[in-house]
Amino acid sequence: MSKQVAVILSGCGVFDGSEIYETTLTLLRLDQLGIGYRCFAPDIAQHHVIDHRSGEVAEGESRNVLEESARLARGEISSLDELEAGDFDAVILPGGFGAAKTLSTFAEAGDEMEVLGELAEALAGFHEERKPIGLMCISPVLVPRLLGSGIAVTVGHDPGVAGAISAMGGLHRSCGVEDIVVDFENRVVTTPAYMLATRISEAATGIFKLVDRVDEMMDLQA
């Protein structure tokens, strides 16, 4: 049986959901490596809806995170509450502001944030079973709340986000867009992606490295 990876989404679009390029590059690299995957997203309302042309909030508009995420997954997606760590060998979270607005309250609360209960429950299973966890862009900010203190992650060079990670008990490591940070003890792999990327090729290099390292870690646990 091929390896299986769960990919957790938070909508569709950088400003209010999952970053589309990051998600697509993740799925592409998994497929290139012959790794099976399944997408999951919470069946809840988005924090808000952003007009991606203007960057402004679309007042009075509401969208469902699972339904929006299904756009990225071409309809092949399940509700996050159905995710069981025992069914997968690893999990990856693309970035995008959905991670900071819907999967958590980081965008509003900073280091006082709370994380979505369904996400915390799902990630706890992977962490307890020592299965690899990959996070990119802004999503590594969730690690101290999801997995505990003392875990090394990166969001690139952003001092504000790095400071929030440290305030929550995490360890931030500066990192270039085309590289990764690996916490071997906790099996956590992170990359800055569009926290730094100015071109899709830059994001691809770091994301492919992340997926490759998650693949290697799955071999180690087998």
C-alpha atoms as a PDB file:
ATOM      1  CA  MET A   1       0.000   0.000   0.000  1.00  0.00           C
ATOM      2  CA  SER A   2       1.334   3.453  -0.872  1.00  0.00           C
ATOM      3  CA  LYS A   3       1.926   6.086   1.757  1.00  0.00           C
ATOM      4  CA  GLN A   4      -1.068   8.286   2.548  1.00  0.00           C
ATOM      5  CA  VAL A   5      -0.972  11.937   3.578  1.00  0.00           C
ATOM      6  CA  ALA A   6      -3.795  14.086   4.947  1.00  0.00           C
ATOM      7  CA  VAL A   7      -3.841  17.683   3.674  1.00  0.00           C
ATOM      8  CA  ILE A   8      -5.806  20.144   5.811  1.00  0.00           C
ATOM      9  CA  LEU A   9      -7.333  23.154   4.046  1.00  0.00           C
ATOM     10  CA  SER A  10      -9.039  26.303   5.311  1.00  0.00           C
ATOM     11  CA  GLY A  11     -10.932  27.620   2.290  1.00  0.00           C
ATOM     12  CA  CYS A  12      -9.860  28.775  -1.166  1.00  0.00           C
ATOM     13  CA  GLY A  13      -7.786  31.916  -1.583  1.00  0.00           C
ATOM     14  CA  VAL A  14      -4.801  33.508   0.095  1.00  0.00           C
ATOM     15  CA  PHE A  15      -6.620  36.278   1.963  1.00  0.00           C
ATOM     16  CA  ASP A  16      -9.415  34.239   3.562  1.00  0.00           C
ATOM     17  CA  GLY A  17      -8.591  30.561   3.005  1.00  0.00           C
ATOM     18  CA  SER A  18      -5.801  28.247   1.892  1.00  0.00           C
ATOM     19  CA  GLU A  19      -3.139  29.681  -0.413  1.00  0.00           C
ATOM     20  CA  ILE A  20      -3.936  28.151  -3.805  1.00  0.00           C
ATOM     21  CA  TYR A  21      -0.390  27.845  -5.157  1.00  0.00           C
ATOM     22  CA  GLU A  22       0.891  26.347  -1.905  1.00  0.00           C
ATOM     23  CA  THR A  23      -1.889  23.783  -1.891  1.00  0.00           C
ATOM     24  CA  THR A  24      -1.439  22.898  -5.557  1.00  0.00           C
ATOM     25  CA  LEU A  25       2.344  22.577  -5.237  1.00  0.00           C
ATOM     26  CA  THR A  26       1.898  20.316  -2.217  1.00  0.00           C
ATOM     27  CA  LEU A  27      -0.511  18.027  -4.051  1.00  0.00           C
ATOM     28  CA  LEU A  28       1.699  18.051  -7.150  1.00  0.00           C
ATOM     29  CA  ARG A  29       4.776  16.954  -5.238  1.00  0.00           C
ATOM     30  CA  LEU A  30       2.889  14.247  -3.369  1.00  0.00           C
ATOM     31  CA  ASP A  31       1.618  12.896  -6.677  1.00  0.00           C
ATOM     32  CA  GLN A  32       5.077  13.067  -8.277  1.00  0.00           C
ATOM     33  CA  LEU A  33       6.403  10.940  -5.418  1.00  0.00           C
ATOM     34  CA  GLY A  34       3.604   8.406  -5.766  1.00  0.00           C
ATOM     35  CA  ILE A  35       2.120   9.317  -2.397  1.00  0.00           C
ATOM     36  CA  GLY A  36      -1.647   9.145  -1.931  1.00  0.00           C
ATOM     37  CA  TYR A  37      -3.470  12.022  -0.279  1.00  0.00           C
ATOM     38  CA  ARG A  38      -6.857  13.102   0.980  1.00  0.00           C
ATOM     39  CA  CYS A  39      -7.942  16.680   1.660  1.00  0.00           C
ATOM     40  CA  PHE A  40      -9.884  17.717   4.753  1.00  0.00           C
ATOM     41  CA  ALA A  41     -11.425  20.988   5.916  1.00  0.00           C
ATOM     42  CA  PRO A  42     -13.719  22.050   8.771  1.00  0.00           C
ATOM     43  CA  ASP A  43     -17.419  22.250   7.951  1.00  0.00           C
ATOM     44  CA  ILE A  44     -17.868  25.748   9.372  1.00  0.00           C
ATOM     45  CA  ALA A  45     -18.356  29.312   8.156  1.00  0.00           C
ATOM     46  CA  GLN A  46     -15.308  31.331   7.131  1.00  0.00           C
ATOM     47  CA  HIS A  47     -14.188  34.093   9.467  1.00  0.00           C
ATOM     48  CA  HIS A  48     -15.068  36.478   6.626  1.00  0.00           C
ATOM     49  CA  VAL A  49     -14.932  36.685   2.840  1.00  0.00           C
ATOM     50  CA  ILE A  50     -12.351  38.834   1.069  1.00  0.00           C
ATOM     51  CA  ASP A  51     -12.667  40.297  -2.418  1.00  0.00           C
ATOM     52  CA  HIS A  52      -9.316  39.150  -3.774  1.00  0.00           C
ATOM     53  CA  ARG A  53      -9.186  41.986  -6.331  1.00  0.00           C
ATOM     54  CA  SER A  54      -9.606  44.820  -3.865  1.00  0.00           C
ATOM     55  CA  GLY A  55      -8.405  43.134  -0.691  1.00  0.00           C
ATOM     56  CA  GLU A  56     -11.504  44.399   1.094  1.00  0.00           C
ATOM     57  CA  VAL A  57     -13.993  42.434   3.180  1.00  0.00           C
ATOM     58  CA  ALA A  58     -17.087  41.489   1.149  1.00  0.00           C
ATOM     59  CA  GLU A  59     -19.702  42.786   3.561  1.00  0.00           C
ATOM     60  CA  GLY A  60     -22.738  40.585   4.037  1.00  0.00           C
ATOM     61  CA  GLU A  61     -21.198  37.608   2.238  1.00  0.00           C
ATOM     62  CA  SER A  62     -20.691  34.246   3.940  1.00  0.00           C
ATOM     63  CA  ARG A  63     -19.002  31.080   2.694  1.00  0.00           C
ATOM     64  CA  ASN A  64     -18.518  27.591   4.072  1.00  0.00           C
ATOM     65  CA  VAL A  65     -14.894  26.466   4.569  1.00  0.00           C
ATOM     66  CA  LEU A  66     -15.500  22.875   3.471  1.00  0.00           C
ATOM     67  CA  GLU A  67     -17.383  23.942   0.352  1.00  0.00           C
ATOM     68  CA  GLU A  68     -14.715  26.487  -0.592  1.00  0.00           C
ATOM     69  CA  SER A  69     -11.905  23.998   0.057  1.00  0.00           C
ATOM     70  CA  ALA A  70     -13.646  21.530  -2.251  1.00  0.00           C
ATOM     71  CA  ARG A  71     -12.788  23.897  -5.105  1.00  0.00           C
ATOM     72  CA  LEU A  72      -9.106  23.266  -4.463  1.00  0.00           C
ATOM     73  CA  ALA A  73      -9.579  19.525  -4.020  1.00  0.00           C
ATOM     74  CA  ARG A  74     -11.707  19.170  -7.171  1.00  0.00           C
ATOM     75  CA  GLY A  75     -14.540  17.923  -4.986  1.00  0.00           C
ATOM     76  CA  GLU A  76     -12.547  15.108  -3.371  1.00  0.00           C
ATOM     77  CA  ILE A  77     -12.611  16.259   0.247  1.00  0.00           C
ATOM     78  CA  SER A  78     -13.874  15.203   3.668  1.00  0.00           C
ATOM     79  CA  SER A  79     -14.926  17.062   6.782  1.00  0.00           C
ATOM     80  CA  LEU A  80     -12.094  17.622   9.262  1.00  0.00           C
ATOM     81  CA  ASP A  81     -13.983  15.829  12.018  1.00  0.00           C
ATOM     82  CA  GLU A  82     -13.625  12.624   9.973  1.00  0.00           C
ATOM     83  CA  LEU A  83      -9.809  12.760   9.975  1.00  0.00           C
ATOM     84  CA  GLU A  84      -8.228   9.902  11.912  1.00  0.00           C
ATOM     85  CA  ALA A  85      -4.455   9.925  12.334  1.00  0.00           C
ATOM     86  CA  GLY A  86      -4.429   6.128  12.208  1.00  0.00           C
ATOM     87  CA  ASP A  87      -5.569   6.223   8.565  1.00  0.00           C
ATOM     88  CA  PHE A  88      -2.605   8.326   7.381  1.00  0.00           C
ATOM     89  CA  ASP A  89       1.180   8.355   7.543  1.00  0.00           C
ATOM     90  CA  ALA A  90       1.601  12.146   7.761  1.00  0.00           C
ATOM     91  CA  VAL A  91      -0.279  15.434   7.606  1.00  0.00           C
ATOM     92  CA  ILE A  92       0.459  18.731   5.822  1.00  0.00           C
ATOM     93  CA  LEU A  93      -1.085  22.180   6.331  1.00  0.00           C
ATOM     94  CA  PRO A  94      -0.680  24.709   3.499  1.00  0.00           C
ATOM     95  CA  GLY A  95      -0.749  28.368   4.490  1.00  0.00           C
ATOM     96  CA  GLY A  96      -2.999  31.257   3.602  1.00  0.00           C
ATOM     97  CA  PHE A  97      -4.871  33.548   5.957  1.00  0.00           C
ATOM     98  CA  GLY A  98      -7.505  30.883   6.582  1.00  0.00           C
ATOM     99  CA  ALA A  99      -4.974  29.372   8.981  1.00  0.00           C
ATOM    100  CA  ALA A 100      -4.814  32.641  10.911  1.00  0.00           C
ATOM    101  CA  LYS A 101      -8.494  33.576  10.676  1.00  0.00           C
ATOM    102  CA  THR A 102     -10.502  30.345  10.601  1.00  0.00           C
ATOM    103  CA  LEU A 103      -8.258  27.534  11.882  1.00  0.00           C
ATOM    104  CA  SER A 104      -7.154  29.907  14.633  1.00  0.00           C
ATOM    105  CA  THR A 105      -7.687  33.435  15.924  1.00  0.00           C
ATOM    106  CA  PHE A 106      -4.062  34.478  15.349  1.00  0.00           C
ATOM    107  CA  ALA A 107      -4.954  37.317  12.944  1.00  0.00           C
ATOM    108  CA  GLU A 108      -6.938  39.021  15.715  1.00  0.00           C
ATOM    109  CA  ALA A 109      -5.461  37.726  18.948  1.00  0.00           C
ATOM    110  CA  GLY A 110      -1.764  37.239  18.163  1.00  0.00           C
ATOM    111  CA  ASP A 111       0.003  35.203  20.825  1.00  0.00           C
ATOM    112  CA  GLU A 112      -3.258  35.036  22.803  1.00  0.00           C
ATOM    113  CA  MET A 113      -4.836  33.051  19.972  1.00  0.00           C
ATOM    114  CA  GLU A 114      -6.974  29.950  20.242  1.00  0.00           C
ATOM    115  CA  VAL A 115      -7.012  27.142  17.683  1.00  0.00           C
ATOM    116  CA  LEU A 116      -9.981  25.319  16.225  1.00  0.00           C
ATOM    117  CA  GLY A 117     -10.820  22.345  18.439  1.00  0.00           C
ATOM    118  CA  GLU A 118     -11.226  19.940  15.514  1.00  0.00           C
ATOM    119  CA  LEU A 119      -7.771  20.836  14.248  1.00  0.00           C
ATOM    120  CA  ALA A 120      -6.156  20.438  17.652  1.00  0.00           C
ATOM    121  CA  GLU A 121      -7.746  17.021  18.081  1.00  0.00           C
ATOM    122  CA  ALA A 122      -6.652  15.840  14.641  1.00  0.00           C
ATOM    123  CA  LEU A 123      -3.058  17.044  14.978  1.00  0.00           C
ATOM    124  CA  ALA A 124      -2.744  15.593  18.484  1.00  0.00           C
ATOM    125  CA  GLY A 125      -3.236  12.130  17.017  1.00  0.00           C
ATOM    126  CA  PHE A 126      -0.416  12.573  14.511  1.00  0.00           C
ATOM    127  CA  HIS A 127       1.900  14.012  17.156  1.00  0.00           C
ATOM    128  CA  GLU A 128       1.190  11.242  19.653  1.00  0.00           C
ATOM    129  CA  GLU A 129       1.862   8.598  17.003  1.00  0.00           C
ATOM    130  CA  ARG A 130       5.067  10.420  15.953  1.00  0.00           C
ATOM    131  CA  LYS A 131       3.884  10.842  12.391  1.00  0.00           C
ATOM    132  CA  PRO A 132       5.421  13.666  10.328  1.00  0.00           C
ATOM    133  CA  ILE A 133       3.672  17.042  10.307  1.00  0.00           C
ATOM    134  CA  GLY A 134       4.410  19.632   7.610  1.00  0.00           C
ATOM    135  CA  LEU A 135       3.331  23.266   7.799  1.00  0.00           C
ATOM    136  CA  MET A 136       4.059  26.216   5.520  1.00  0.00           C
ATOM    137  CA  CYS A 137       3.661  29.974   5.225  1.00  0.00           C
ATOM    138  CA  ILE A 138       1.758  31.319   8.272  1.00  0.00           C
ATOM    139  CA  SER A 139       0.531  27.913   9.505  1.00  0.00           C
ATOM    140  CA  PRO A 140       3.692  27.173  11.587  1.00  0.00           C
ATOM    141  CA  VAL A 141       2.466  29.846  14.025  1.00  0.00           C
ATOM    142  CA  LEU A 142      -0.111  27.263  15.148  1.00  0.00           C
ATOM    143  CA  VAL A 143       2.510  24.766  16.335  1.00  0.00           C
ATOM    144  CA  PRO A 144       2.953  25.952  19.961  1.00  0.00           C
ATOM    145  CA  ARG A 145      -0.806  25.801  20.524  1.00  0.00           C
ATOM    146  CA  LEU A 146      -1.319  22.539  18.615  1.00  0.00           C
ATOM    147  CA  LEU A 147       1.727  20.517  19.626  1.00  0.00           C
ATOM    148  CA  GLY A 148       3.296  22.199  22.654  1.00  0.00           C
ATOM    149  CA  SER A 149       6.302  24.342  23.449  1.00  0.00           C
ATOM    150  CA  GLY A 150       9.927  23.995  22.424  1.00  0.00           C
ATOM    151  CA  ILE A 151       9.344  22.926  18.807  1.00  0.00           C
ATOM    152  CA  ALA A 152      11.475  24.621  16.127  1.00  0.00           C
ATOM    153  CA  VAL A 153       9.567  26.152  13.202  1.00  0.00           C
ATOM    154  CA  THR A 154       9.973  28.925  10.649  1.00  0.00           C
ATOM    155  CA  VAL A 155       7.865  31.569   8.959  1.00  0.00           C
ATOM    156  CA  GLY A 156      10.918  33.077   7.284  1.00  0.00           C
ATOM    157  CA  HIS A 157      12.148  36.376   8.767  1.00  0.00           C
ATOM    158  CA  ASP A 158       8.999  38.155   9.988  1.00  0.00           C
ATOM    159  CA  PRO A 159       9.915  39.591  13.425  1.00  0.00           C
ATOM    160  CA  GLY A 160       6.328  40.075  14.556  1.00  0.00           C
ATOM    161  CA  VAL A 161       5.214  36.521  13.842  1.00  0.00           C
ATOM    162  CA  ALA A 162       8.523  35.126  15.126  1.00  0.00           C
ATOM    163  CA  GLY A 163       7.992  37.055  18.356  1.00  0.00           C
ATOM    164  CA  ALA A 164       4.481  35.659  18.735  1.00  0.00           C
ATOM    165  CA  ILE A 165       5.789  32.120  18.249  1.00  0.00           C
ATOM    166  CA  SER A 166       8.404  32.717  20.943  1.00  0.00           C
ATOM    167  CA  ALA A 167       5.813  34.254  23.291  1.00  0.00           C
ATOM    168  CA  MET A 168       3.730  31.078  23.001  1.00  0.00           C
ATOM    169  CA  GLY A 169       6.714  28.901  23.871  1.00  0.00           C
ATOM    170  CA  GLY A 170       7.808  27.959  20.363  1.00  0.00           C
ATOM    171  CA  LEU A 171      11.257  28.218  18.828  1.00  0.00           C
ATOM    172  CA  HIS A 172      11.495  30.298  15.668  1.00  0.00           C
ATOM    173  CA  ARG A 173      14.346  29.758  13.220  1.00  0.00           C
ATOM    174  CA  SER A 174      15.043  32.244  10.431  1.00  0.00           C
ATOM    175  CA  CYS A 175      14.954  30.587   7.027  1.00  0.00           C
ATOM    176  CA  GLY A 176      15.163  31.473   3.350  1.00  0.00           C
ATOM    177  CA  VAL A 177      12.226  30.966   1.017  1.00  0.00           C
ATOM    178  CA  GLU A 178      13.817  27.986  -0.719  1.00  0.00           C
ATOM    179  CA  ASP A 179      14.721  26.076   2.449  1.00  0.00           C
ATOM    180  CA  ILE A 180      13.082  24.228   5.331  1.00  0.00           C
ATOM    181  CA  VAL A 181      13.426  23.933   9.106  1.00  0.00           C
ATOM    182  CA  VAL A 182      13.193  20.432  10.555  1.00  0.00           C
ATOM    183  CA  ASP A 183      12.527  19.527  14.189  1.00  0.00           C
ATOM    184  CA  PHE A 184      13.632  15.912  14.076  1.00  0.00           C
ATOM    185  CA  GLU A 185      12.563  15.084  17.620  1.00  0.00           C
ATOM    186  CA  ASN A 186       8.982  16.186  17.039  1.00  0.00           C
ATOM    187  CA  ARG A 187       8.898  15.275  13.322  1.00  0.00           C
ATOM    188  CA  VAL A 188       7.783  18.758  12.313  1.00  0.00           C
ATOM    189  CA  VAL A 189       8.875  20.294   8.982  1.00  0.00           C
ATOM    190  CA  THR A 190       8.198  23.928   8.061  1.00  0.00           C
ATOM    191  CA  THR A 191       8.994  26.310   5.173  1.00  0.00           C
ATOM    192  CA  PRO A 192       8.254  30.032   4.618  1.00  0.00           C
ATOM    193  CA  ALA A 193       6.549  29.667   1.205  1.00  0.00           C
ATOM    194  CA  TYR A 194       4.560  32.847   0.493  1.00  0.00           C
ATOM    195  CA  MET A 195       5.648  34.508   3.710  1.00  0.00           C
ATOM    196  CA  LEU A 196       8.689  35.305   1.546  1.00  0.00           C
ATOM    197  CA  ALA A 197       8.107  34.049  -1.992  1.00  0.00           C
ATOM    198  CA  THR A 198       7.837  36.569  -4.799  1.00  0.00           C
ATOM    199  CA  ARG A 199       7.462  33.933  -7.533  1.00  0.00           C
ATOM    200  CA  ILE A 200       5.730  30.573  -7.662  1.00  0.00           C
ATOM    201  CA  SER A 201       9.071  28.913  -8.480  1.00  0.00           C
ATOM    202  CA  GLU A 202      10.540  30.181  -5.199  1.00  0.00           C
ATOM    203  CA  ALA A 203       7.616  28.779  -3.245  1.00  0.00           C
ATOM    204  CA  ALA A 204       7.883  25.499  -5.143  1.00  0.00           C
ATOM    205  CA  THR A 205      11.503  24.894  -4.143  1.00  0.00           C
ATOM    206  CA  GLY A 206      10.802  25.106  -0.411  1.00  0.00           C
ATOM    207  CA  ILE A 207       7.481  23.260  -0.609  1.00  0.00           C
ATOM    208  CA  PHE A 208       9.000  20.409  -2.613  1.00  0.00           C
ATOM    209  CA  LYS A 209      11.795  20.156  -0.016  1.00  0.00           C
ATOM    210  CA  LEU A 210       9.180  20.012   2.739  1.00  0.00           C
ATOM    211  CA  VAL A 211       7.220  17.229   1.041  1.00  0.00           C
ATOM    212  CA  ASP A 212      10.433  15.340   0.279  1.00  0.00           C
ATOM    213  CA  ARG A 213      11.510  15.510   3.922  1.00  0.00           C
ATOM    214  CA  VAL A 214       8.067  14.398   5.119  1.00  0.00           C
ATOM    215  CA  ASP A 215       8.409  11.467   2.701  1.00  0.00           C
ATOM    216  CA  GLU A 216      11.802  10.554   4.186  1.00  0.00           C
ATOM    217  CA  MET A 217      10.389  10.746   7.713  1.00  0.00           C
ATOM    218  CA  MET A 218       7.549   8.403   6.758  1.00  0.00           C
ATOM    219  CA  ASP A 219      10.205   5.880   5.676  1.00  0.00           C
ATOM    220  CA  LEU A 220      11.944   6.204   9.040  1.00  0.00           C
ATOM    221  CA  GLN A 221       8.795   5.409  10.980  1.00  0.00           C
ATOM    222  CA  ALA A 222       7.858   2.404   8.806  1.00  0.00           C
END
